[in-house]
Amino acid sequence: KLDDPTGYGRITRDNGSVTGIVEHKDATDEQRKIQEINTGILIANGADMKRWLSKLTNNNVQGEYYIT
């Protein structure tokens, strides 16, 4: 958690379970209040990574492909 998480993706949760990561520019005002952030570190095996990458879209404010 950061005192000022400006610019970082926020980790969203439901009853303690992670439900997603919302990048700062895509976050609502309420989501921007979240102080638990995504550091961008990812560890995965190659088969899983290939499967995940095939499902990526760029439907966000920046038009970027978010790998996290």
PDB file of N, CA and C in Angstrom:
ATOM      1  N   LYS A   1       0.843  -1.183   0.000  1.00  0.00           N
ATOM      2  CA  LYS A   1       0.000   0.000   0.000  1.00  0.00           C
ATOM      3  C   LYS A   1       0.884   1.241   0.000  1.00  0.00           C
ATOM      4  N   LEU A   2       0.428   2.247  -0.730  1.00  0.00           N
ATOM      5  CA  LEU A   2       1.159   3.508  -0.808  1.00  0.00           C
ATOM      6  C   LEU A   2       0.293   4.647  -0.289  1.00  0.00           C
ATOM      7  N   ASP A   3       0.935   5.614   0.349  1.00  0.00           N
ATOM      8  CA  ASP A   3       0.209   6.808   0.772  1.00  0.00           C
ATOM      9  C   ASP A   3      -0.309   7.575  -0.438  1.00  0.00           C
ATOM     10  N   ASP A   4       0.489   7.630  -1.508  1.00  0.00           N
ATOM     11  CA  ASP A   4       0.081   8.310  -2.739  1.00  0.00           C
ATOM     12  C   ASP A   4       0.258   7.353  -3.920  1.00  0.00           C
ATOM     13  N   PRO A   5      -0.793   6.599  -4.265  1.00  0.00           N
ATOM     14  CA  PRO A   5      -0.689   5.618  -5.341  1.00  0.00           C
ATOM     15  C   PRO A   5      -0.922   6.188  -6.744  1.00  0.00           C
ATOM     16  N   THR A   6      -0.847   7.502  -6.893  1.00  0.00           N
ATOM     17  CA  THR A   6      -1.086   8.138  -8.188  1.00  0.00           C
ATOM     18  C   THR A   6      -0.210   7.507  -9.264  1.00  0.00           C
ATOM     19  N   GLY A   7      -0.835   7.132 -10.370  1.00  0.00           N
ATOM     20  CA  GLY A   7      -0.112   6.563 -11.497  1.00  0.00           C
ATOM     21  C   GLY A   7      -0.032   5.048 -11.506  1.00  0.00           C
ATOM     22  N   TYR A   8      -0.325   4.409 -10.391  1.00  0.00           N
ATOM     23  CA  TYR A   8      -0.258   2.946 -10.303  1.00  0.00           C
ATOM     24  C   TYR A   8      -1.628   2.316 -10.536  1.00  0.00           C
ATOM     25  N   GLY A   9      -1.618   1.077 -11.022  1.00  0.00           N
ATOM     26  CA  GLY A   9      -2.842   0.307 -11.121  1.00  0.00           C
ATOM     27  C   GLY A   9      -3.309  -0.091  -9.731  1.00  0.00           C
ATOM     28  N   ARG A  10      -4.618  -0.063  -9.506  1.00  0.00           N
ATOM     29  CA  ARG A  10      -5.182  -0.414  -8.202  1.00  0.00           C
ATOM     30  C   ARG A  10      -5.696  -1.841  -8.225  1.00  0.00           C
ATOM     31  N   ILE A  11      -5.476  -2.545  -7.143  1.00  0.00           N
ATOM     32  CA  ILE A  11      -5.970  -3.910  -6.997  1.00  0.00           C
ATOM     33  C   ILE A  11      -7.380  -3.836  -6.435  1.00  0.00           C
ATOM     34  N   THR A  12      -8.328  -4.418  -7.155  1.00  0.00           N
ATOM     35  CA  THR A  12      -9.707  -4.439  -6.683  1.00  0.00           C
ATOM     36  C   THR A  12      -9.992  -5.788  -6.042  1.00  0.00           C
ATOM     37  N   ARG A  13     -10.827  -5.764  -5.025  1.00  0.00           N
ATOM     38  CA  ARG A  13     -11.145  -6.978  -4.271  1.00  0.00           C
ATOM     39  C   ARG A  13     -12.636  -7.068  -3.992  1.00  0.00           C
ATOM     40  N   ASP A  14     -13.096  -8.294  -3.775  1.00  0.00           N
ATOM     41  CA  ASP A  14     -14.458  -8.564  -3.335  1.00  0.00           C
ATOM     42  C   ASP A  14     -14.359  -9.582  -2.216  1.00  0.00           C
ATOM     43  N   ASN A  15     -14.754  -9.183  -1.027  1.00  0.00           N
ATOM     44  CA  ASN A  15     -14.647 -10.047   0.156  1.00  0.00           C
ATOM     45  C   ASN A  15     -13.232 -10.582   0.345  1.00  0.00           C
ATOM     46  N   GLY A  16     -12.235  -9.756   0.054  1.00  0.00           N
ATOM     47  CA  GLY A  16     -10.845 -10.132   0.263  1.00  0.00           C
ATOM     48  C   GLY A  16     -10.168 -10.801  -0.915  1.00  0.00           C
ATOM     49  N   SER A  17     -10.936 -11.282  -1.885  1.00  0.00           N
ATOM     50  CA  SER A  17     -10.357 -11.949  -3.054  1.00  0.00           C
ATOM     51  C   SER A  17     -10.102 -10.935  -4.166  1.00  0.00           C
ATOM     52  N   VAL A  18      -8.937 -11.039  -4.800  1.00  0.00           N
ATOM     53  CA  VAL A  18      -8.603 -10.135  -5.899  1.00  0.00           C
ATOM     54  C   VAL A  18      -9.561 -10.383  -7.060  1.00  0.00           C
ATOM     55  N   THR A  19     -10.156  -9.294  -7.562  1.00  0.00           N
ATOM     56  CA  THR A  19     -11.067  -9.395  -8.704  1.00  0.00           C
ATOM     57  C   THR A  19     -10.487  -8.759  -9.959  1.00  0.00           C
ATOM     58  N   GLY A  20      -9.433  -7.952  -9.791  1.00  0.00           N
ATOM     59  CA  GLY A  20      -8.840  -7.332 -10.962  1.00  0.00           C
ATOM     60  C   GLY A  20      -7.841  -6.253 -10.613  1.00  0.00           C
ATOM     61  N   ILE A  21      -7.295  -5.665 -11.663  1.00  0.00           N
ATOM     62  CA  ILE A  21      -6.381  -4.536 -11.549  1.00  0.00           C
ATOM     63  C   ILE A  21      -6.919  -3.456 -12.476  1.00  0.00           C
ATOM     64  N   VAL A  22      -7.080  -2.265 -11.951  1.00  0.00           N
ATOM     65  CA  VAL A  22      -7.574  -1.142 -12.745  1.00  0.00           C
ATOM     66  C   VAL A  22      -6.463  -0.108 -12.832  1.00  0.00           C
ATOM     67  N   GLU A  23      -6.025   0.192 -14.042  1.00  0.00           N
ATOM     68  CA  GLU A  23      -4.974   1.186 -14.225  1.00  0.00           C
ATOM     69  C   GLU A  23      -5.488   2.569 -13.826  1.00  0.00           C
ATOM     70  N   HIS A  24      -4.584   3.406 -13.358  1.00  0.00           N
ATOM     71  CA  HIS A  24      -4.944   4.728 -12.840  1.00  0.00           C
ATOM     72  C   HIS A  24      -5.830   5.514 -13.811  1.00  0.00           C
ATOM     73  N   LYS A  25      -5.454   5.580 -15.080  1.00  0.00           N
ATOM     74  CA  LYS A  25      -6.209   6.374 -16.055  1.00  0.00           C
ATOM     75  C   LYS A  25      -7.591   5.802 -16.338  1.00  0.00           C
ATOM     76  N   ASP A  26      -7.795   4.517 -16.069  1.00  0.00           N
ATOM     77  CA  ASP A  26      -9.088   3.875 -16.292  1.00  0.00           C
ATOM     78  C   ASP A  26      -9.942   3.835 -15.029  1.00  0.00           C
ATOM     79  N   ALA A  27      -9.358   4.171 -13.896  1.00  0.00           N
ATOM     80  CA  ALA A  27     -10.039   4.034 -12.601  1.00  0.00           C
ATOM     81  C   ALA A  27     -11.081   5.125 -12.377  1.00  0.00           C
ATOM     82  N   THR A  28     -12.135   4.732 -11.671  1.00  0.00           N
ATOM     83  CA  THR A  28     -13.135   5.704 -11.241  1.00  0.00           C
ATOM     84  C   THR A  28     -12.557   6.485 -10.063  1.00  0.00           C
ATOM     85  N   ASP A  29     -13.231   7.555  -9.687  1.00  0.00           N
ATOM     86  CA  ASP A  29     -12.781   8.321  -8.518  1.00  0.00           C
ATOM     87  C   ASP A  29     -12.729   7.429  -7.284  1.00  0.00           C
ATOM     88  N   GLU A  30     -13.705   6.545  -7.137  1.00  0.00           N
ATOM     89  CA  GLU A  30     -13.745   5.638  -5.986  1.00  0.00           C
ATOM     90  C   GLU A  30     -12.569   4.662  -6.024  1.00  0.00           C
ATOM     91  N   GLN A  31     -12.260   4.101  -7.194  1.00  0.00           N
ATOM     92  CA  GLN A  31     -11.143   3.166  -7.326  1.00  0.00           C
ATOM     93  C   GLN A  31      -9.806   3.858  -7.077  1.00  0.00           C
ATOM     94  N   ARG A  32      -9.702   5.131  -7.383  1.00  0.00           N
ATOM     95  CA  ARG A  32      -8.448   5.864  -7.163  1.00  0.00           C
ATOM     96  C   ARG A  32      -8.153   6.069  -5.685  1.00  0.00           C
ATOM     97  N   LYS A  33      -9.136   5.847  -4.835  1.00  0.00           N
ATOM     98  CA  LYS A  33      -8.935   5.929  -3.387  1.00  0.00           C
ATOM     99  C   LYS A  33      -8.245   4.681  -2.842  1.00  0.00           C
ATOM    100  N   ILE A  34      -8.232   3.600  -3.618  1.00  0.00           N
ATOM    101  CA  ILE A  34      -7.593   2.348  -3.202  1.00  0.00           C
ATOM    102  C   ILE A  34      -6.086   2.566  -3.112  1.00  0.00           C
ATOM    103  N   GLN A  35      -5.486   2.133  -2.021  1.00  0.00           N
ATOM    104  CA  GLN A  35      -4.046   2.317  -1.829  1.00  0.00           C
ATOM    105  C   GLN A  35      -3.239   1.053  -2.118  1.00  0.00           C
ATOM    106  N   GLU A  36      -3.898  -0.071  -2.328  1.00  0.00           N
ATOM    107  CA  GLU A  36      -3.204  -1.315  -2.676  1.00  0.00           C
ATOM    108  C   GLU A  36      -2.957  -1.294  -4.179  1.00  0.00           C
ATOM    109  N   ILE A  37      -1.685  -1.364  -4.576  1.00  0.00           N
ATOM    110  CA  ILE A  37      -1.316  -1.168  -5.974  1.00  0.00           C
ATOM    111  C   ILE A  37      -0.670  -2.404  -6.596  1.00  0.00           C
ATOM    112  N   ASN A  38      -0.621  -2.389  -7.921  1.00  0.00           N
ATOM    113  CA  ASN A  38       0.040  -3.427  -8.689  1.00  0.00           C
ATOM    114  C   ASN A  38       1.451  -2.952  -9.023  1.00  0.00           C
ATOM    115  N   THR A  39       2.454  -3.752  -8.668  1.00  0.00           N
ATOM    116  CA  THR A  39       3.843  -3.376  -8.948  1.00  0.00           C
ATOM    117  C   THR A  39       4.285  -3.752 -10.354  1.00  0.00           C
ATOM    118  N   GLY A  40       3.509  -4.582 -11.044  1.00  0.00           N
ATOM    119  CA  GLY A  40       3.840  -4.957 -12.406  1.00  0.00           C
ATOM    120  C   GLY A  40       4.679  -6.217 -12.520  1.00  0.00           C
ATOM    121  N   ILE A  41       5.018  -6.840 -11.408  1.00  0.00           N
ATOM    122  CA  ILE A  41       5.818  -8.067 -11.437  1.00  0.00           C
ATOM    123  C   ILE A  41       4.910  -9.243 -11.779  1.00  0.00           C
ATOM    124  N   LEU A  42       5.346 -10.071 -12.719  1.00  0.00           N
ATOM    125  CA  LEU A  42       4.555 -11.211 -13.161  1.00  0.00           C
ATOM    126  C   LEU A  42       5.456 -12.426 -13.317  1.00  0.00           C
ATOM    127  N   ILE A  43       5.033 -13.534 -12.747  1.00  0.00           N
ATOM    128  CA  ILE A  43       5.756 -14.797 -12.890  1.00  0.00           C
ATOM    129  C   ILE A  43       4.762 -15.832 -13.395  1.00  0.00           C
ATOM    130  N   ALA A  44       5.096 -16.494 -14.493  1.00  0.00           N
ATOM    131  CA  ALA A  44       4.196 -17.499 -15.058  1.00  0.00           C
ATOM    132  C   ALA A  44       4.992 -18.444 -15.941  1.00  0.00           C
ATOM    133  N   ASN A  45       4.447 -19.635 -16.165  1.00  0.00           N
ATOM    134  CA  ASN A  45       5.117 -20.538 -17.097  1.00  0.00           C
ATOM    135  C   ASN A  45       4.716 -20.166 -18.529  1.00  0.00           C
ATOM    136  N   GLY A  46       5.486 -20.611 -19.484  1.00  0.00           N
ATOM    137  CA  GLY A  46       5.296 -20.223 -20.876  1.00  0.00           C
ATOM    138  C   GLY A  46       3.942 -20.580 -21.456  1.00  0.00           C
ATOM    139  N   ALA A  47       3.430 -21.767 -21.142  1.00  0.00           N
ATOM    140  CA  ALA A  47       2.135 -22.191 -21.677  1.00  0.00           C
ATOM    141  C   ALA A  47       1.013 -21.287 -21.180  1.00  0.00           C
ATOM    142  N   ASP A  48       1.037 -20.973 -19.890  1.00  0.00           N
ATOM    143  CA  ASP A  48       0.017 -20.075 -19.343  1.00  0.00           C
ATOM    144  C   ASP A  48       0.132 -18.693 -19.965  1.00  0.00           C
ATOM    145  N   MET A  49       1.344 -18.198 -20.092  1.00  0.00           N
ATOM    146  CA  MET A  49       1.557 -16.867 -20.655  1.00  0.00           C
ATOM    147  C   MET A  49       1.027 -16.795 -22.087  1.00  0.00           C
ATOM    148  N   LYS A  50       1.292 -17.804 -22.880  1.00  0.00           N
ATOM    149  CA  LYS A  50       0.817 -17.830 -24.263  1.00  0.00           C
ATOM    150  C   LYS A  50      -0.709 -17.792 -24.306  1.00  0.00           C
ATOM    151  N   ARG A  51      -1.350 -18.547 -23.444  1.00  0.00           N
ATOM    152  CA  ARG A  51      -2.816 -18.585 -23.386  1.00  0.00           C
ATOM    153  C   ARG A  51      -3.367 -17.219 -22.972  1.00  0.00           C
ATOM    154  N   TRP A  52      -2.762 -16.624 -21.961  1.00  0.00           N
ATOM    155  CA  TRP A  52      -3.219 -15.319 -21.474  1.00  0.00           C
ATOM    156  C   TRP A  52      -3.038 -14.232 -22.531  1.00  0.00           C
ATOM    157  N   LEU A  53      -1.881 -14.223 -23.190  1.00  0.00           N
ATOM    158  CA  LEU A  53      -1.604 -13.185 -24.181  1.00  0.00           C
ATOM    159  C   LEU A  53      -2.581 -13.233 -25.351  1.00  0.00           C
ATOM    160  N   SER A  54      -3.050 -14.436 -25.685  1.00  0.00           N
ATOM    161  CA  SER A  54      -3.996 -14.559 -26.798  1.00  0.00           C
ATOM    162  C   SER A  54      -5.355 -13.943 -26.475  1.00  0.00           C
ATOM    163  N   LYS A  55      -5.614 -13.666 -25.200  1.00  0.00           N
ATOM    164  CA  LYS A  55      -6.901 -13.102 -24.777  1.00  0.00           C
ATOM    165  C   LYS A  55      -6.842 -11.599 -24.510  1.00  0.00           C
ATOM    166  N   LEU A  56      -5.679 -10.993 -24.691  1.00  0.00           N
ATOM    167  CA  LEU A  56      -5.532  -9.565 -24.405  1.00  0.00           C
ATOM    168  C   LEU A  56      -6.331  -8.701 -25.374  1.00  0.00           C
ATOM    169  N   THR A  57      -6.886  -7.629 -24.847  1.00  0.00           N
ATOM    170  CA  THR A  57      -7.535  -6.609 -25.667  1.00  0.00           C
ATOM    171  C   THR A  57      -6.983  -5.251 -25.239  1.00  0.00           C
ATOM    172  N   ASN A  58      -7.254  -4.250 -26.029  1.00  0.00           N
ATOM    173  CA  ASN A  58      -6.795  -2.904 -25.675  1.00  0.00           C
ATOM    174  C   ASN A  58      -7.976  -1.953 -25.472  1.00  0.00           C
ATOM    175  N   ASN A  59      -9.026  -2.456 -24.842  1.00  0.00           N
ATOM    176  CA  ASN A  59     -10.226  -1.664 -24.568  1.00  0.00           C
ATOM    177  C   ASN A  59     -10.047  -0.855 -23.293  1.00  0.00           C
ATOM    178  N   ASN A  60      -9.292   0.224 -23.377  1.00  0.00           N
ATOM    179  CA  ASN A  60      -9.034   1.089 -22.231  1.00  0.00           C
ATOM    180  C   ASN A  60      -8.731   2.494 -22.727  1.00  0.00           C
ATOM    181  N   VAL A  61      -8.660   3.428 -21.815  1.00  0.00           N
ATOM    182  CA  VAL A  61      -8.466   4.839 -22.149  1.00  0.00           C
ATOM    183  C   VAL A  61      -7.214   5.066 -22.994  1.00  0.00           C
ATOM    184  N   GLN A  62      -6.137   4.339 -22.699  1.00  0.00           N
ATOM    185  CA  GLN A  62      -4.862   4.566 -23.387  1.00  0.00           C
ATOM    186  C   GLN A  62      -4.714   3.752 -24.670  1.00  0.00           C
ATOM    187  N   GLY A  63      -5.615   2.780 -24.902  1.00  0.00           N
ATOM    188  CA  GLY A  63      -5.495   1.924 -26.074  1.00  0.00           C
ATOM    189  C   GLY A  63      -4.304   0.991 -25.990  1.00  0.00           C
ATOM    190  N   GLU A  64      -3.867   0.703 -24.761  1.00  0.00           N
ATOM    191  CA  GLU A  64      -2.705  -0.163 -24.546  1.00  0.00           C
ATOM    192  C   GLU A  64      -3.143  -1.588 -24.231  1.00  0.00           C
ATOM    193  N   TYR A  65      -2.231  -2.516 -24.444  1.00  0.00           N
ATOM    194  CA  TYR A  65      -2.439  -3.900 -24.041  1.00  0.00           C
ATOM    195  C   TYR A  65      -1.848  -4.066 -22.651  1.00  0.00           C
ATOM    196  N   TYR A  66      -2.703  -4.235 -21.661  1.00  0.00           N
ATOM    197  CA  TYR A  66      -2.251  -4.396 -20.281  1.00  0.00           C
ATOM    198  C   TYR A  66      -1.952  -5.866 -20.018  1.00  0.00           C
ATOM    199  N   ILE A  67      -0.717  -6.173 -19.703  1.00  0.00           N
ATOM    200  CA  ILE A  67      -0.329  -7.553 -19.443  1.00  0.00           C
ATOM    201  C   ILE A  67      -0.614  -7.953 -18.000  1.00  0.00           C
ATOM    202  N   THR A  68      -0.817  -6.984 -17.134  1.00  0.00           N
ATOM    203  CA  THR A  68      -1.139  -7.299 -15.748  1.00  0.00           C
ATOM    204  C   THR A  68      -2.622  -7.356 -15.614  1.00  0.00           C
TER     205      THR A  68
END
